[in-house]
């Protein structure tokens, strides 16, 4: 049975008949074809920005945002092509931000390979990130319900703006360190939470169930804080001052500057609290929308317990 037909099955049957991995593979093909078709058809060679962008996409991460979007679309019976479109939007925006982040943070590797700027140069990397960003809006043009386009574009623009503001605050930290936990949480929610919540928000908007947008945003924002804290705990050494570089924003340093007697323990508690809050809020989402988010939060909680015990 095809994915096109499966999205119309009752929710209880969808999970047993279709795998997210299969849909992710189809999403990869869909995104790659869109990037190629977006280029000038008269060009005889692949543009440097397109080549660099595809190089970056060829070493994917866990595709959390795509998984969240695909799972939400299945729960809400979103049409197959629309499902691929808004999932592609979510991944394109996220990967655009990663390419630009790596330039600003001067990170030389990501996912085990050279970052785009390190391999192709800063100028090409900026163009590659811009290409992914513009492609997100380009792919959206194929949505079936054109009446929803205004809402979708507005939502994407708001969340993208949030990411930009969060990244700017993150950069500012290197020049003006903070010792406020609330400020740290606001930055994490803006920088990470915006694009973690967007996949579910896009699915809700497309299905017309906008009354749950606020709840989805709250759940993913709480998850984003927990996710970022866990990431910070893994990156204490990487984020510390070195080779003339200022320390990067990390909750352990924020807590230390706030005179915490045990920054690592306090950070661990903050992660636990945030992830528990994410689970509580996700359980209130309709259908099975919060199931994957709950699973991801619980996986991180398990990682925390494992790290504490080791």
Protein backbone atom coordinates (compact mmCIF):
# COMPACT_ATOMS: atom_id res chain seq x y z
CA UNK A 1 0.00 0.00 0.00
CA UNK A 2 1.36 3.43 -0.92
CA UNK A 3 2.10 6.27 1.46
CA UNK A 4 -0.51 8.31 -0.39
CA UNK A 5 -3.18 5.81 0.61
CA UNK A 6 -1.88 5.21 4.09
CA UNK A 7 -2.31 8.81 5.20
CA UNK A 8 -6.05 8.31 4.87
CA UNK A 9 -6.11 5.27 7.16
CA UNK A 10 -7.27 5.57 10.78
CA UNK A 11 -4.46 6.70 13.04
CA UNK A 12 -4.29 3.39 14.89
CA UNK A 13 -3.44 1.62 11.61
CA UNK A 14 -1.01 4.16 10.21
CA UNK A 15 1.76 3.49 12.70
CA UNK A 16 1.71 -0.24 11.93
CA UNK A 17 1.59 0.18 8.15
CA UNK A 18 4.10 2.91 7.47
CA UNK A 19 7.50 3.78 8.81
CA UNK A 20 8.91 7.24 9.29
CA UNK A 21 12.17 5.95 7.83
CA UNK A 22 10.45 5.25 4.52
CA UNK A 23 8.91 8.70 4.49
CA UNK A 24 12.27 10.27 5.40
CA UNK A 25 13.83 8.60 2.37
CA UNK A 26 11.08 9.99 0.15
CA UNK A 27 11.54 13.39 1.78
CA UNK A 28 15.26 13.32 0.94
CA UNK A 29 14.48 12.66 -2.73
CA UNK A 30 11.80 15.34 -2.76
CA UNK A 31 14.14 17.95 -1.23
CA UNK A 32 17.04 17.10 -3.53
CA UNK A 33 14.85 17.36 -6.63
CA UNK A 34 13.51 20.69 -5.46
CA UNK A 35 17.00 22.12 -4.94
CA UNK A 36 17.99 20.99 -8.42
CA UNK A 37 14.85 22.34 -10.08
CA UNK A 38 15.26 25.68 -8.29
CA UNK A 39 18.54 26.26 -10.15
CA UNK A 40 18.65 27.94 -13.54
CA UNK A 41 17.77 25.23 -16.07
CA UNK A 42 20.11 26.87 -18.60
CA UNK A 43 23.16 26.24 -16.44
CA UNK A 44 25.35 23.37 -17.63
CA UNK A 45 26.99 22.81 -14.26
CA UNK A 46 25.85 22.64 -10.67
CA UNK A 47 26.07 25.98 -8.94
CA UNK A 48 28.64 26.18 -6.12
CA UNK A 49 25.96 27.05 -3.56
CA UNK A 50 23.79 24.11 -4.61
CA UNK A 51 26.77 21.76 -4.54
CA UNK A 52 27.76 22.96 -1.06
CA UNK A 53 24.18 22.73 0.20
CA UNK A 54 23.83 19.14 -1.05
CA UNK A 55 27.20 18.31 0.50
CA UNK A 56 25.81 19.45 3.85
CA UNK A 57 22.54 17.55 3.42
CA UNK A 58 24.41 14.37 2.43
CA UNK A 59 25.52 13.92 6.06
CA UNK A 60 22.19 14.22 7.89
CA UNK A 61 21.63 14.30 11.62
CA UNK A 62 18.72 12.63 13.38
CA UNK A 63 16.19 14.70 11.42
CA UNK A 64 14.18 15.38 14.55
CA UNK A 65 12.21 18.19 12.93
CA UNK A 66 11.29 16.13 9.88
CA UNK A 67 10.22 13.25 12.12
CA UNK A 68 8.08 15.57 14.24
CA UNK A 69 6.45 16.99 11.14
CA UNK A 70 5.82 13.66 9.40
CA UNK A 71 4.40 12.12 12.57
CA UNK A 72 2.11 15.12 13.10
CA UNK A 73 0.95 15.00 9.49
CA UNK A 74 0.10 11.32 9.77
CA UNK A 75 -1.90 11.99 12.93
CA UNK A 76 -3.77 14.86 11.30
CA UNK A 77 -4.36 13.10 7.94
CA UNK A 78 -2.44 15.70 5.94
CA UNK A 79 -2.23 14.96 2.22
CA UNK A 80 0.95 13.16 1.16
CA UNK A 81 2.46 15.93 -1.00
CA UNK A 82 1.63 18.59 1.59
CA UNK A 83 3.27 16.37 4.20
CA UNK A 84 6.51 16.32 2.21
CA UNK A 85 6.33 20.05 1.56
CA UNK A 86 6.06 21.24 5.16
CA UNK A 87 8.53 18.60 6.34
CA UNK A 88 10.99 19.86 3.73
CA UNK A 89 10.38 23.42 4.90
CA UNK A 90 11.22 22.41 8.47
CA UNK A 91 14.46 20.66 7.49
CA UNK A 92 15.60 23.30 4.99
CA UNK A 93 15.24 26.10 7.53
CA UNK A 94 17.03 24.09 10.22
CA UNK A 95 19.95 23.17 7.97
CA UNK A 96 20.27 26.73 6.69
CA UNK A 97 20.67 27.85 10.30
CA UNK A 98 23.30 25.15 10.93
CA UNK A 99 25.45 26.26 8.00
CA UNK A 100 25.34 29.87 9.16
CA UNK A 101 25.89 28.90 12.82
CA UNK A 102 29.05 27.01 11.89
CA UNK A 103 30.43 30.12 10.20
CA UNK A 104 29.69 32.34 13.18
CA UNK A 105 31.01 29.81 15.72
CA UNK A 106 33.99 28.90 13.48
CA UNK A 107 33.21 25.20 13.98
CA UNK A 108 35.29 23.12 11.58
CA UNK A 109 33.41 19.81 11.75
CA UNK A 110 29.78 18.76 11.92
CA UNK A 111 28.40 15.23 11.83
CA UNK A 112 31.92 13.87 11.41
CA UNK A 113 32.87 15.84 8.29
CA UNK A 114 34.18 19.31 7.48
CA UNK A 115 31.63 22.09 7.83
CA UNK A 116 30.54 23.85 4.66
CA UNK A 117 32.57 26.99 5.34
CA UNK A 118 35.69 24.98 6.13
CA UNK A 119 35.43 22.95 2.92
CA UNK A 120 34.15 25.57 0.48
CA UNK A 121 34.99 28.90 2.13
CA UNK A 122 32.88 31.40 4.02
CA UNK A 123 31.42 33.12 0.95
CA UNK A 124 30.08 29.93 -0.62
CA UNK A 125 28.80 28.74 2.78
CA UNK A 126 26.80 31.93 3.23
CA UNK A 127 25.28 31.41 -0.22
CA UNK A 128 24.55 27.74 0.54
CA UNK A 129 22.70 28.69 3.72
CA UNK A 130 20.81 31.40 1.86
CA UNK A 131 19.87 28.88 -0.84
CA UNK A 132 18.35 26.50 1.71
CA UNK A 133 16.51 29.38 3.36
CA UNK A 134 15.03 30.64 0.09
CA UNK A 135 14.24 27.08 -1.00
CA UNK A 136 12.08 26.62 2.09
CA UNK A 137 9.79 29.37 0.84
CA UNK A 138 10.01 28.11 -2.74
CA UNK A 139 8.88 24.60 -1.91
CA UNK A 140 5.95 25.99 0.06
CA UNK A 141 4.47 27.31 -3.19
CA UNK A 142 3.31 23.78 -4.00
CA UNK A 143 0.94 23.52 -1.03
CA UNK A 144 -2.52 22.31 -2.08
CA UNK A 145 -4.62 24.74 -0.04
CA UNK A 146 -3.53 28.15 -1.29
CA UNK A 147 -5.85 29.82 1.21
CA UNK A 148 -3.54 28.60 3.98
CA UNK A 149 -0.40 30.07 2.40
CA UNK A 150 -0.68 33.43 4.16
CA UNK A 151 -0.88 31.76 7.58
CA UNK A 152 1.94 29.36 6.78
CA UNK A 153 4.27 32.06 5.43
CA UNK A 154 3.56 34.31 8.40
CA UNK A 155 4.29 31.49 10.85
CA UNK A 156 7.54 30.55 9.09
CA UNK A 157 8.68 34.18 9.05
CA UNK A 158 7.94 34.60 12.78
CA UNK A 159 9.84 31.48 13.76
CA UNK A 160 12.77 32.34 11.47
CA UNK A 161 12.95 35.80 13.01
CA UNK A 162 12.98 34.20 16.45
CA UNK A 163 15.94 32.02 15.48
CA UNK A 164 17.84 35.04 14.17
CA UNK A 165 17.24 37.01 17.36
CA UNK A 166 18.25 34.02 19.48
CA UNK A 167 21.45 33.56 17.49
CA UNK A 168 22.31 37.25 17.88
CA UNK A 169 21.83 37.01 21.64
CA UNK A 170 24.01 33.89 21.64
CA UNK A 171 26.77 35.78 19.81
CA UNK A 172 26.43 38.77 22.14
CA UNK A 173 27.10 36.48 25.11
CA UNK A 174 30.75 36.17 24.04
CA UNK A 175 31.13 39.92 24.47
CA UNK A 176 28.77 40.34 27.39
CA UNK A 177 28.32 37.14 29.47
CA UNK A 178 25.05 36.70 31.37
CA UNK A 179 24.31 35.09 34.73
CA UNK A 180 20.53 34.96 34.37
CA UNK A 181 18.93 31.53 33.98
CA UNK A 182 15.77 33.12 32.56
CA UNK A 183 17.76 34.92 29.88
CA UNK A 184 19.49 31.65 29.00
CA UNK A 185 16.12 29.91 28.72
CA UNK A 186 14.77 32.69 26.52
CA UNK A 187 17.74 32.33 24.17
CA UNK A 188 17.36 28.53 24.03
CA UNK A 189 13.64 28.84 23.33
CA UNK A 190 14.26 31.36 20.56
CA UNK A 191 17.25 29.70 18.95
CA UNK A 192 16.25 26.03 19.27
CA UNK A 193 12.59 26.00 20.29
CA UNK A 194 11.33 28.00 17.32
CA UNK A 195 12.33 25.43 14.72
CA UNK A 196 11.51 22.47 16.95
CA UNK A 197 7.95 23.68 17.34
CA UNK A 198 7.50 24.82 13.74
CA UNK A 199 6.95 21.32 12.26
CA UNK A 200 4.01 20.62 14.55
CA UNK A 201 2.69 24.18 14.17
CA UNK A 202 2.76 23.88 10.37
CA UNK A 203 0.81 20.63 10.51
CA UNK A 204 -1.75 22.11 12.89
CA UNK A 205 -2.14 25.21 10.72
CA UNK A 206 -2.58 23.17 7.55
CA UNK A 207 -5.18 20.96 9.24
CA UNK A 208 -7.07 24.00 10.56
CA UNK A 209 -6.55 23.11 14.23
CA UNK A 210 -4.89 26.38 15.18
CA UNK A 211 -6.39 26.37 18.68
CA UNK A 212 -3.56 24.03 19.69
CA UNK A 213 -0.71 26.17 18.36
CA UNK A 214 0.03 27.80 21.71
CA UNK A 215 0.17 24.46 23.51
CA UNK A 216 2.47 23.01 20.86
CA UNK A 217 4.78 26.01 21.17
CA UNK A 218 4.89 25.72 24.97
CA UNK A 219 5.67 21.99 24.83
CA UNK A 220 8.46 22.34 22.28
CA UNK A 221 9.91 25.39 24.04
CA UNK A 222 10.22 23.41 27.27
CA UNK A 223 11.77 20.53 25.32
CA UNK A 224 14.20 22.94 23.65
CA UNK A 225 15.52 24.16 27.00
CA UNK A 226 16.04 20.61 28.23
CA UNK A 227 17.62 19.60 24.92
CA UNK A 228 19.99 22.58 24.98
CA UNK A 229 21.02 21.98 28.59
CA UNK A 230 21.82 18.33 27.87
CA UNK A 231 23.83 19.45 24.83
CA UNK A 232 25.67 22.02 26.97
CA UNK A 233 26.57 19.38 29.53
CA UNK A 234 28.19 17.38 26.73
CA UNK A 235 30.00 20.45 25.37
CA UNK A 236 31.54 21.98 28.51
CA UNK A 237 35.10 21.49 27.26
CA UNK A 238 34.26 22.51 23.68
CA UNK A 239 32.51 25.70 24.83
CA UNK A 240 35.24 26.77 27.27
CA UNK A 241 37.61 29.64 26.35
CA UNK A 242 40.46 28.38 24.15
CA UNK A 243 42.98 29.59 21.62
CA UNK A 244 42.04 33.21 22.20
CA UNK A 245 38.31 32.52 21.70
CA UNK A 246 35.79 33.65 24.30
CA UNK A 247 33.64 31.05 26.01
CA UNK A 248 30.44 30.11 24.24
CA UNK A 249 27.00 30.30 25.81
CA UNK A 250 26.66 27.25 28.05
CA UNK A 251 24.33 26.81 31.00
CA UNK A 252 27.18 25.53 33.19
CA UNK A 253 29.08 28.81 32.70
CA UNK A 254 25.90 30.83 33.26
CA UNK A 255 25.26 29.06 36.55
CA UNK A 256 28.89 29.40 37.60
CA UNK A 257 28.72 33.16 36.95
CA UNK A 258 25.52 33.19 39.03
CA UNK A 259 27.61 31.74 41.91
CA UNK A 260 26.11 28.26 41.84
CA UNK A 261 27.97 25.95 44.23
CA UNK A 262 27.53 23.03 41.80
CA UNK A 263 26.77 24.27 38.26
CA UNK A 264 26.71 20.80 36.72
CA UNK A 265 24.23 19.45 39.26
CA UNK A 266 22.04 22.55 38.94
CA UNK A 267 22.15 22.27 35.14
CA UNK A 268 21.13 18.63 35.36
CA UNK A 269 18.13 19.54 37.52
CA UNK A 270 17.12 22.26 35.06
CA UNK A 271 17.24 19.76 32.20
CA UNK A 272 15.11 17.29 34.14
CA UNK A 273 12.56 19.96 35.07
CA UNK A 274 12.31 21.26 31.49
CA UNK A 275 11.94 17.82 29.96
CA UNK A 276 9.30 16.82 32.53
CA UNK A 277 7.40 20.00 31.69
CA UNK A 278 7.66 19.18 27.98
CA UNK A 279 6.16 15.74 28.62
CA UNK A 280 3.35 17.20 30.73
CA UNK A 281 2.41 19.70 28.03
CA UNK A 282 2.83 17.27 25.13
CA UNK A 283 0.41 14.86 26.80
CA UNK A 284 -2.28 17.53 26.44
CA UNK A 285 -1.94 17.76 22.64
CA UNK A 286 -4.81 16.18 20.65
CA UNK A 287 -4.68 12.88 18.77
CA UNK A 288 -1.17 11.45 19.16
CA UNK A 289 0.61 14.69 18.30
CA UNK A 290 2.72 14.69 21.43
CA UNK A 291 3.79 11.04 21.29
CA UNK A 292 7.10 11.52 19.45
CA UNK A 293 8.01 14.62 21.46
CA UNK A 294 7.33 12.69 24.68
CA UNK A 295 9.52 9.84 23.46
CA UNK A 296 12.37 12.24 22.61
CA UNK A 297 12.11 13.92 26.01
CA UNK A 298 12.14 10.59 27.79
CA UNK A 299 15.20 9.50 25.80
CA UNK A 300 17.05 12.60 26.99
CA UNK A 301 15.92 11.93 30.56
CA UNK A 302 17.34 8.42 30.23
CA UNK A 303 20.60 9.86 28.95
CA UNK A 304 20.81 12.16 31.97
CA UNK A 305 20.25 9.26 34.37
CA UNK A 306 22.86 7.19 32.55
CA UNK A 307 25.42 10.01 32.69
CA UNK A 308 24.78 10.53 36.39
CA UNK A 309 25.21 6.83 37.09
CA UNK A 310 28.37 6.43 35.03
